[in-house]
Amino acid sequence: MLMWLGLRGVLSVADWWGTPAWPFIVDEFFRRLDDPDYEHWRTGGHPGPPPEGLARDEFRELLLSAPDELPTEFVDFCIHRGAIGFVRPDRSGDSYDIGG
């Protein structure tokens, strides 16, 4: 049963925190934030700068290693304004290789 639940979880949310793709997603998210003309922002517009209170490196490190420790306004920024849930790895191997 645990094996089945684990496999189901991987298939459901294979591109989320704690998975091998997470570092790529975080890097790509910050790359897109640096490019206001990126196509990711066409529908809702660029979210602007992240909230104040954390240096960029600290924000990135917490998002990579412990997103649950981020202040609420940063989580809100990532999910609602930054649309991090729509950042997907390129599984062709050009920018992210899942190792298989």
N, C-alpha and C. Protein backbone atom coordinates (compact mmCIF):
# COMPACT_ATOMS: atom_id res chain seq x y z
N MET A 1 0.82 -1.18 0.00
CA MET A 1 0.00 0.00 0.00
C MET A 1 0.87 1.26 0.00
N LEU A 2 1.92 1.26 0.81
CA LEU A 2 2.80 2.43 0.85
C LEU A 2 3.48 2.66 -0.49
N MET A 3 3.89 1.59 -1.13
CA MET A 3 4.52 1.70 -2.45
C MET A 3 3.53 2.33 -3.44
N TRP A 4 2.30 1.85 -3.42
CA TRP A 4 1.28 2.37 -4.33
C TRP A 4 1.04 3.85 -4.07
N LEU A 5 0.93 4.26 -2.80
CA LEU A 5 0.72 5.66 -2.46
C LEU A 5 1.90 6.52 -2.91
N GLY A 6 3.11 6.01 -2.72
CA GLY A 6 4.29 6.75 -3.15
C GLY A 6 4.31 6.94 -4.66
N LEU A 7 4.04 5.90 -5.40
CA LEU A 7 4.02 5.99 -6.86
C LEU A 7 2.91 6.92 -7.33
N ARG A 8 1.77 6.84 -6.69
CA ARG A 8 0.67 7.73 -7.06
C ARG A 8 1.04 9.19 -6.80
N GLY A 9 1.72 9.44 -5.69
CA GLY A 9 2.16 10.80 -5.38
C GLY A 9 3.15 11.32 -6.40
N VAL A 10 4.09 10.48 -6.81
CA VAL A 10 5.08 10.89 -7.81
C VAL A 10 4.40 11.26 -9.12
N LEU A 11 3.42 10.48 -9.52
CA LEU A 11 2.73 10.77 -10.77
C LEU A 11 1.84 12.00 -10.65
N SER A 12 1.30 12.25 -9.48
CA SER A 12 0.40 13.39 -9.30
C SER A 12 1.14 14.71 -9.20
N VAL A 13 2.21 14.73 -8.46
CA VAL A 13 2.92 15.99 -8.21
C VAL A 13 4.42 15.80 -8.39
N ALA A 14 4.81 15.28 -9.51
CA ALA A 14 6.22 14.98 -9.76
C ALA A 14 7.07 16.23 -9.93
N ASP A 15 6.45 17.40 -10.04
CA ASP A 15 7.20 18.62 -10.27
C ASP A 15 7.14 19.56 -9.07
N TRP A 16 6.99 19.03 -7.89
CA TRP A 16 6.83 19.88 -6.73
C TRP A 16 7.95 19.67 -5.73
N TRP A 17 7.93 20.41 -4.62
CA TRP A 17 9.01 20.43 -3.65
C TRP A 17 9.37 19.02 -3.17
N GLY A 18 10.66 18.79 -3.04
CA GLY A 18 11.15 17.51 -2.56
C GLY A 18 11.40 16.51 -3.66
N THR A 19 11.05 16.84 -4.88
CA THR A 19 11.29 15.93 -5.99
C THR A 19 12.59 16.32 -6.68
N PRO A 20 13.14 15.45 -7.49
CA PRO A 20 14.40 15.79 -8.18
C PRO A 20 14.30 17.03 -9.05
N ALA A 21 13.12 17.40 -9.49
CA ALA A 21 12.96 18.56 -10.37
C ALA A 21 12.90 19.88 -9.60
N TRP A 22 12.74 19.85 -8.29
CA TRP A 22 12.53 21.08 -7.53
C TRP A 22 13.65 22.11 -7.72
N PRO A 23 14.93 21.74 -7.66
CA PRO A 23 15.98 22.75 -7.89
C PRO A 23 15.86 23.44 -9.25
N PHE A 24 15.51 22.69 -10.28
CA PHE A 24 15.31 23.29 -11.60
C PHE A 24 14.14 24.27 -11.56
N ILE A 25 13.05 23.89 -10.92
CA ILE A 25 11.87 24.75 -10.86
C ILE A 25 12.20 26.07 -10.16
N VAL A 26 12.93 25.99 -9.06
CA VAL A 26 13.31 27.20 -8.33
C VAL A 26 14.22 28.08 -9.19
N ASP A 27 15.23 27.48 -9.83
CA ASP A 27 16.13 28.26 -10.69
C ASP A 27 15.37 28.91 -11.84
N GLU A 28 14.47 28.16 -12.45
CA GLU A 28 13.68 28.69 -13.56
C GLU A 28 12.74 29.79 -13.09
N PHE A 29 12.17 29.64 -11.92
CA PHE A 29 11.29 30.65 -11.34
C PHE A 29 12.04 31.98 -11.18
N PHE A 30 13.25 31.91 -10.63
CA PHE A 30 14.03 33.14 -10.45
C PHE A 30 14.50 33.71 -11.78
N ARG A 31 14.79 32.84 -12.73
CA ARG A 31 15.17 33.33 -14.06
C ARG A 31 14.02 34.10 -14.70
N ARG A 32 12.81 33.57 -14.55
CA ARG A 32 11.63 34.24 -15.11
C ARG A 32 11.34 35.55 -14.39
N LEU A 33 11.57 35.59 -13.08
CA LEU A 33 11.38 36.84 -12.35
C LEU A 33 12.31 37.93 -12.87
N ASP A 34 13.51 37.52 -13.31
CA ASP A 34 14.49 38.49 -13.82
C ASP A 34 14.17 38.98 -15.23
N ASP A 35 13.20 38.36 -15.89
CA ASP A 35 12.88 38.71 -17.27
C ASP A 35 11.40 39.11 -17.39
N PRO A 36 11.10 40.40 -17.22
CA PRO A 36 9.70 40.84 -17.26
C PRO A 36 9.00 40.57 -18.60
N ASP A 37 9.77 40.35 -19.66
CA ASP A 37 9.18 40.10 -20.98
C ASP A 37 8.98 38.61 -21.27
N TYR A 38 9.32 37.75 -20.32
CA TYR A 38 9.20 36.31 -20.55
C TYR A 38 7.73 35.94 -20.77
N GLU A 39 7.47 34.99 -21.64
CA GLU A 39 6.11 34.60 -22.01
C GLU A 39 5.26 34.14 -20.83
N HIS A 40 5.90 33.68 -19.77
CA HIS A 40 5.19 33.23 -18.56
C HIS A 40 4.29 34.33 -18.00
N TRP A 41 4.66 35.60 -18.25
CA TRP A 41 3.94 36.73 -17.67
C TRP A 41 2.89 37.33 -18.61
N ARG A 42 2.68 36.74 -19.76
CA ARG A 42 1.75 37.32 -20.74
C ARG A 42 0.33 37.46 -20.22
N THR A 43 -0.15 36.48 -19.51
CA THR A 43 -1.55 36.53 -19.07
C THR A 43 -1.78 37.42 -17.85
N GLY A 44 -1.02 37.23 -16.83
CA GLY A 44 -1.27 38.00 -15.61
C GLY A 44 -0.34 39.17 -15.39
N GLY A 45 0.68 39.29 -16.21
CA GLY A 45 1.66 40.34 -16.02
C GLY A 45 2.73 39.95 -15.02
N HIS A 46 3.86 40.60 -15.12
CA HIS A 46 4.98 40.34 -14.21
C HIS A 46 4.57 40.70 -12.79
N PRO A 47 4.92 39.87 -11.80
CA PRO A 47 4.46 40.11 -10.43
C PRO A 47 5.20 41.23 -9.70
N GLY A 48 6.25 41.75 -10.31
CA GLY A 48 7.05 42.76 -9.62
C GLY A 48 8.06 42.11 -8.70
N PRO A 49 8.70 42.91 -7.87
CA PRO A 49 9.72 42.34 -6.99
C PRO A 49 9.10 41.53 -5.85
N PRO A 50 9.86 40.58 -5.30
CA PRO A 50 9.37 39.83 -4.15
C PRO A 50 9.18 40.76 -2.95
N PRO A 51 8.45 40.32 -1.94
CA PRO A 51 8.29 41.14 -0.75
C PRO A 51 9.64 41.45 -0.11
N GLU A 52 9.68 42.49 0.67
CA GLU A 52 10.91 42.83 1.39
C GLU A 52 11.01 42.00 2.66
N GLY A 53 12.23 41.82 3.13
CA GLY A 53 12.41 41.10 4.38
C GLY A 53 13.43 39.98 4.28
N LEU A 54 13.68 39.49 3.07
CA LEU A 54 14.69 38.46 2.86
C LEU A 54 15.56 38.87 1.69
N ALA A 55 16.86 38.66 1.82
CA ALA A 55 17.75 38.87 0.68
C ALA A 55 17.42 37.82 -0.37
N ARG A 56 17.71 38.11 -1.61
CA ARG A 56 17.40 37.20 -2.71
C ARG A 56 18.01 35.81 -2.49
N ASP A 57 19.27 35.77 -2.07
CA ASP A 57 19.93 34.47 -1.84
C ASP A 57 19.25 33.69 -0.72
N GLU A 58 18.82 34.39 0.33
CA GLU A 58 18.14 33.73 1.44
C GLU A 58 16.76 33.23 0.99
N PHE A 59 16.07 34.04 0.21
CA PHE A 59 14.77 33.64 -0.35
C PHE A 59 14.92 32.38 -1.18
N ARG A 60 15.90 32.37 -2.09
CA ARG A 60 16.13 31.21 -2.95
C ARG A 60 16.50 29.97 -2.13
N GLU A 61 17.38 30.14 -1.15
CA GLU A 61 17.83 29.00 -0.34
C GLU A 61 16.67 28.40 0.47
N LEU A 62 15.85 29.25 1.05
CA LEU A 62 14.70 28.74 1.79
C LEU A 62 13.69 28.07 0.87
N LEU A 63 13.48 28.64 -0.30
CA LEU A 63 12.56 28.02 -1.26
C LEU A 63 13.08 26.65 -1.70
N LEU A 64 14.39 26.52 -1.83
CA LEU A 64 14.97 25.23 -2.21
C LEU A 64 14.92 24.20 -1.09
N SER A 65 15.31 24.61 0.10
CA SER A 65 15.53 23.63 1.16
C SER A 65 14.41 23.53 2.19
N ALA A 66 13.69 24.60 2.43
CA ALA A 66 12.66 24.58 3.47
C ALA A 66 11.56 25.58 3.16
N PRO A 67 10.80 25.38 2.09
CA PRO A 67 9.77 26.36 1.72
C PRO A 67 8.72 26.56 2.82
N ASP A 68 8.56 25.57 3.68
CA ASP A 68 7.60 25.71 4.77
C ASP A 68 8.06 26.72 5.82
N GLU A 69 9.32 27.12 5.76
CA GLU A 69 9.85 28.11 6.71
C GLU A 69 9.82 29.53 6.14
N LEU A 70 9.40 29.69 4.89
CA LEU A 70 9.28 31.02 4.30
C LEU A 70 8.17 31.81 4.98
N PRO A 71 8.37 33.12 5.14
CA PRO A 71 7.26 33.94 5.65
C PRO A 71 6.06 33.85 4.70
N THR A 72 4.88 33.99 5.24
CA THR A 72 3.64 33.84 4.48
C THR A 72 3.60 34.71 3.23
N GLU A 73 4.07 35.95 3.33
CA GLU A 73 4.00 36.83 2.17
C GLU A 73 4.88 36.34 1.02
N PHE A 74 5.96 35.62 1.31
CA PHE A 74 6.81 35.06 0.26
C PHE A 74 6.13 33.84 -0.38
N VAL A 75 5.49 33.03 0.43
CA VAL A 75 4.75 31.88 -0.11
C VAL A 75 3.63 32.38 -1.02
N ASP A 76 2.91 33.39 -0.55
CA ASP A 76 1.84 33.98 -1.35
C ASP A 76 2.39 34.53 -2.67
N PHE A 77 3.53 35.20 -2.60
CA PHE A 77 4.16 35.74 -3.80
C PHE A 77 4.47 34.62 -4.79
N CYS A 78 5.09 33.55 -4.31
CA CYS A 78 5.47 32.44 -5.20
C CYS A 78 4.26 31.78 -5.85
N ILE A 79 3.24 31.53 -5.05
CA ILE A 79 2.10 30.77 -5.55
C ILE A 79 1.13 31.63 -6.34
N HIS A 80 0.71 32.75 -5.78
CA HIS A 80 -0.35 33.54 -6.40
C HIS A 80 0.15 34.57 -7.40
N ARG A 81 1.15 35.32 -7.03
CA ARG A 81 1.64 36.36 -7.95
C ARG A 81 2.66 35.81 -8.93
N GLY A 82 3.57 34.95 -8.46
CA GLY A 82 4.63 34.42 -9.31
C GLY A 82 4.27 33.17 -10.09
N ALA A 83 3.16 32.54 -9.74
CA ALA A 83 2.68 31.34 -10.45
C ALA A 83 3.73 30.25 -10.58
N ILE A 84 4.44 29.98 -9.47
CA ILE A 84 5.49 28.97 -9.50
C ILE A 84 4.93 27.58 -9.86
N GLY A 85 3.67 27.36 -9.60
CA GLY A 85 3.05 26.07 -9.93
C GLY A 85 2.98 25.79 -11.42
N PHE A 86 3.19 26.82 -12.24
CA PHE A 86 3.16 26.64 -13.69
C PHE A 86 4.55 26.48 -14.29
N VAL A 87 5.58 26.52 -13.46
CA VAL A 87 6.94 26.30 -13.96
C VAL A 87 7.15 24.80 -14.03
N ARG A 88 7.43 24.32 -15.22
CA ARG A 88 7.61 22.88 -15.43
C ARG A 88 8.98 22.60 -16.02
N PRO A 89 9.58 21.48 -15.61
CA PRO A 89 10.86 21.11 -16.21
C PRO A 89 10.72 20.75 -17.68
N ASP A 90 11.75 21.07 -18.42
CA ASP A 90 11.83 20.62 -19.81
C ASP A 90 12.40 19.22 -19.77
N ARG A 91 11.58 18.24 -19.97
CA ARG A 91 12.03 16.86 -19.82
C ARG A 91 12.75 16.32 -21.06
N SER A 92 13.05 17.20 -22.00
CA SER A 92 13.77 16.74 -23.19
C SER A 92 15.23 16.49 -22.90
N GLY A 93 15.71 16.96 -21.74
CA GLY A 93 17.10 16.76 -21.40
C GLY A 93 17.95 18.00 -21.65
N ASP A 94 17.38 19.01 -22.34
CA ASP A 94 18.15 20.21 -22.63
C ASP A 94 18.44 21.00 -21.36
N SER A 95 17.42 21.22 -20.52
CA SER A 95 17.66 22.04 -19.35
C SER A 95 17.45 21.27 -18.04
N TYR A 96 16.92 20.08 -18.11
CA TYR A 96 16.72 19.29 -16.89
C TYR A 96 16.69 17.82 -17.30
N ASP A 97 17.44 17.03 -16.61
CA ASP A 97 17.46 15.60 -16.89
C ASP A 97 17.01 14.87 -15.63
N ILE A 98 15.91 14.15 -15.73
CA ILE A 98 15.35 13.46 -14.56
C ILE A 98 16.17 12.23 -14.19
N GLY A 99 17.19 11.95 -14.93
CA GLY A 99 18.10 10.86 -14.57
C GLY A 99 17.69 9.51 -15.10
N GLY A 100 16.92 9.46 -16.11
CA GLY A 100 16.52 8.15 -16.58
C GLY A 100 16.20 8.13 -17.96
